[in-house]
Amino acid sequence: MSSPKLPLFLGRFLFTVAQFMNRFIPILNKPRTRVAVILNEREILLVKNWLGRQQWTLPGGGIKRGESPEQGAARELYEETGLVVDPAELVFLGHMMDTSSPQSIMAYQVNLSDTDSGAAIPASARYEITHLGWYPLSNLPMDRLHLVDSALASQKQG
């Protein structure tokens, strides 16, 4: 069963409207997180959203009121991939800029082993996430957001 999708032009239009609202209506501009999920130090988990630029990126999203950034990152990771991680296991990589957002994003990393790698798009996220995949760190897809490279560079420096 394929996931429902908006036509690309409509997704991009909605993305543009959302970006405009985020820039000019500060109350909507909530903090955001992303998580670099590394499997056995060889692969990274990437997702594609139906909304926006249709490029591979790190799972993540907005932090809800009352959540710590780590709790928000762990919740978003679960909502988009079905992976359960303890927020205390997340390693802060730093504040990074993403071309899809006017504010900086708090990037985290978590390392998993083969036994933890059962990521799949949950039914509840099929309207948000169109693709999910593990990619070798040595062979990343060309159509990825710069944020992926920034997170990996921060991970190597740390």
Protein backbone atom coordinates (compact mmCIF):
# COMPACT_ATOMS: atom_id res chain seq x y z
CA MET A 1 0.00 0.00 0.00
CA SER A 2 1.51 3.32 -1.00
CA SER A 3 1.35 6.29 1.28
CA PRO A 4 -0.95 9.17 0.32
CA LYS A 5 0.93 12.06 -1.23
CA LEU A 6 0.12 15.59 -2.22
CA PRO A 7 1.15 16.66 -5.69
CA LEU A 8 4.69 18.02 -5.56
CA PHE A 9 3.65 21.56 -6.51
CA LEU A 10 1.07 21.64 -3.70
CA GLY A 11 3.57 20.29 -1.15
CA ARG A 12 6.08 22.94 -2.15
CA PHE A 13 3.44 25.67 -2.00
CA LEU A 14 2.41 24.60 1.53
CA PHE A 15 6.07 24.44 2.53
CA THR A 16 6.59 28.00 1.29
CA VAL A 17 3.52 29.22 3.21
CA ALA A 18 4.73 27.45 6.37
CA GLN A 19 8.20 29.02 6.01
CA PHE A 20 6.66 32.47 5.60
CA MET A 21 4.54 31.95 8.73
CA ASN A 22 7.56 30.70 10.70
CA ARG A 23 9.58 33.79 9.78
CA PHE A 24 6.96 36.41 10.43
CA ILE A 25 4.77 34.97 13.19
CA PRO A 26 7.20 34.39 16.09
CA ILE A 27 4.78 32.36 18.24
CA LEU A 28 4.81 29.63 15.56
CA ASN A 29 8.59 29.60 15.48
CA LYS A 30 9.14 26.80 18.01
CA PRO A 31 12.55 25.19 18.61
CA ARG A 32 13.40 22.25 16.36
CA THR A 33 15.58 19.17 16.66
CA ARG A 34 17.10 16.55 14.35
CA VAL A 35 18.70 13.21 15.17
CA ALA A 36 21.58 11.53 13.33
CA VAL A 37 20.95 7.82 13.92
CA ILE A 38 24.17 5.91 13.25
CA LEU A 39 24.05 2.11 12.87
CA ASN A 40 27.23 0.18 13.71
CA GLU A 41 29.32 3.25 12.84
CA ARG A 42 28.67 2.48 9.12
CA GLU A 43 25.18 3.67 8.20
CA ILE A 44 22.89 6.63 8.85
CA LEU A 45 19.10 6.73 8.90
CA LEU A 46 17.58 9.34 6.58
CA VAL A 47 13.98 10.31 5.84
CA LYS A 48 12.14 12.23 3.14
CA ASN A 49 9.16 14.39 4.01
CA TRP A 50 6.30 14.84 1.56
CA LEU A 51 6.29 18.55 2.37
CA GLY A 52 9.08 20.75 1.17
CA ARG A 53 12.12 20.09 -0.96
CA GLN A 54 11.75 16.30 -1.25
CA GLN A 55 15.36 15.75 -0.12
CA TRP A 56 16.83 13.29 2.36
CA THR A 57 17.30 14.66 5.86
CA LEU A 58 17.59 13.60 9.49
CA PRO A 59 14.45 12.63 11.38
CA GLY A 60 13.19 15.26 13.80
CA GLY A 61 10.84 18.15 14.28
CA GLY A 62 9.44 20.67 16.70
CA ILE A 63 9.76 20.58 20.47
CA LYS A 64 6.46 20.67 22.33
CA ARG A 65 5.80 22.96 25.28
CA GLY A 66 7.19 21.40 28.46
CA GLU A 67 9.60 19.06 26.66
CA SER A 68 13.35 19.24 26.90
CA PRO A 69 15.14 19.30 23.55
CA GLU A 70 16.27 15.71 24.14
CA GLN A 71 12.72 14.56 24.92
CA GLY A 72 11.44 16.31 21.80
CA ALA A 73 14.15 14.73 19.66
CA ALA A 74 13.43 11.24 21.02
CA ARG A 75 9.66 11.71 20.53
CA GLU A 76 10.06 12.97 16.97
CA LEU A 77 12.41 10.08 16.18
CA TYR A 78 9.79 7.63 17.41
CA GLU A 79 6.95 9.36 15.57
CA GLU A 80 8.81 9.35 12.25
CA THR A 81 10.70 6.04 12.40
CA GLY A 82 9.25 3.91 15.18
CA LEU A 83 12.66 3.81 16.91
CA VAL A 84 12.57 4.14 20.69
CA VAL A 85 15.61 5.78 22.28
CA ASP A 86 16.22 7.04 25.77
CA PRO A 87 16.61 10.84 25.62
CA ALA A 88 19.65 10.44 27.91
CA GLU A 89 21.40 8.46 25.13
CA LEU A 90 21.29 11.39 22.72
CA VAL A 91 24.61 13.19 22.23
CA PHE A 92 24.32 16.90 21.48
CA LEU A 93 26.15 17.79 18.25
CA GLY A 94 25.41 21.51 18.32
CA HIS A 95 23.16 24.18 16.88
CA MET A 96 23.00 24.01 13.10
CA MET A 97 21.28 25.89 10.34
CA ASP A 98 19.01 24.16 7.88
CA THR A 99 17.87 25.82 4.68
CA SER A 100 14.32 24.63 5.42
CA SER A 101 14.11 26.58 8.68
CA PRO A 102 14.83 30.20 9.63
CA GLN A 103 16.12 29.27 13.09
CA SER A 104 18.92 27.01 14.25
CA ILE A 105 18.19 23.35 14.89
CA MET A 106 19.52 21.39 17.85
CA ALA A 107 21.20 18.33 16.35
CA TYR A 108 21.75 15.11 18.26
CA GLN A 109 23.29 11.74 17.54
CA VAL A 110 22.48 8.27 18.79
CA ASN A 111 24.42 5.09 18.01
CA LEU A 112 22.57 1.84 17.48
CA SER A 113 23.57 -1.79 16.98
CA ASP A 114 22.06 -4.28 14.51
CA THR A 115 19.51 -5.41 17.08
CA ASP A 116 18.13 -1.87 17.33
CA SER A 117 17.77 -1.15 13.62
CA GLY A 118 14.08 -1.97 13.04
CA ALA A 119 13.12 1.44 11.70
CA ALA A 120 9.95 1.73 9.65
CA ILE A 121 7.51 4.50 8.88
CA PRO A 122 4.71 4.18 11.45
CA ALA A 123 1.16 4.32 10.10
CA SER A 124 0.62 7.60 11.96
CA ALA A 125 3.53 9.23 10.03
CA ARG A 126 2.57 8.11 6.51
CA TYR A 127 1.16 11.57 5.79
CA GLU A 128 4.45 13.20 6.80
CA ILE A 129 7.25 10.80 5.84
CA THR A 130 7.37 9.36 2.32
CA HIS A 131 10.66 7.44 2.45
CA LEU A 132 13.00 6.08 5.09
CA GLY A 133 16.31 4.35 4.50
CA TRP A 134 19.68 3.36 5.89
CA TYR A 135 22.61 4.71 3.86
CA PRO A 136 26.31 3.84 4.11
CA LEU A 137 28.25 6.80 5.47
CA SER A 138 30.58 6.36 2.50
CA ASN A 139 27.74 6.53 -0.07
CA LEU A 140 25.11 9.10 0.91
CA PRO A 141 22.35 10.06 -1.52
CA MET A 142 23.10 13.13 -3.59
CA ASP A 143 19.67 14.68 -2.96
CA ARG A 144 20.22 15.38 0.75
CA LEU A 145 19.98 18.55 2.79
CA HIS A 146 23.23 20.18 3.89
CA LEU A 147 22.17 19.54 7.49
CA VAL A 148 23.10 15.85 7.07
CA ASP A 149 26.68 16.78 6.19
CA SER A 150 26.85 19.34 9.01
CA ALA A 151 25.73 16.75 11.56
CA LEU A 152 28.24 14.19 10.29
CA ALA A 153 31.06 16.76 10.35
CA SER A 154 30.16 17.66 13.96
CA GLN A 155 30.05 13.97 14.88
CA LYS A 156 33.59 13.44 13.50
CA GLN A 157 34.92 16.46 15.38
CA GLY A 158 33.40 15.28 18.68
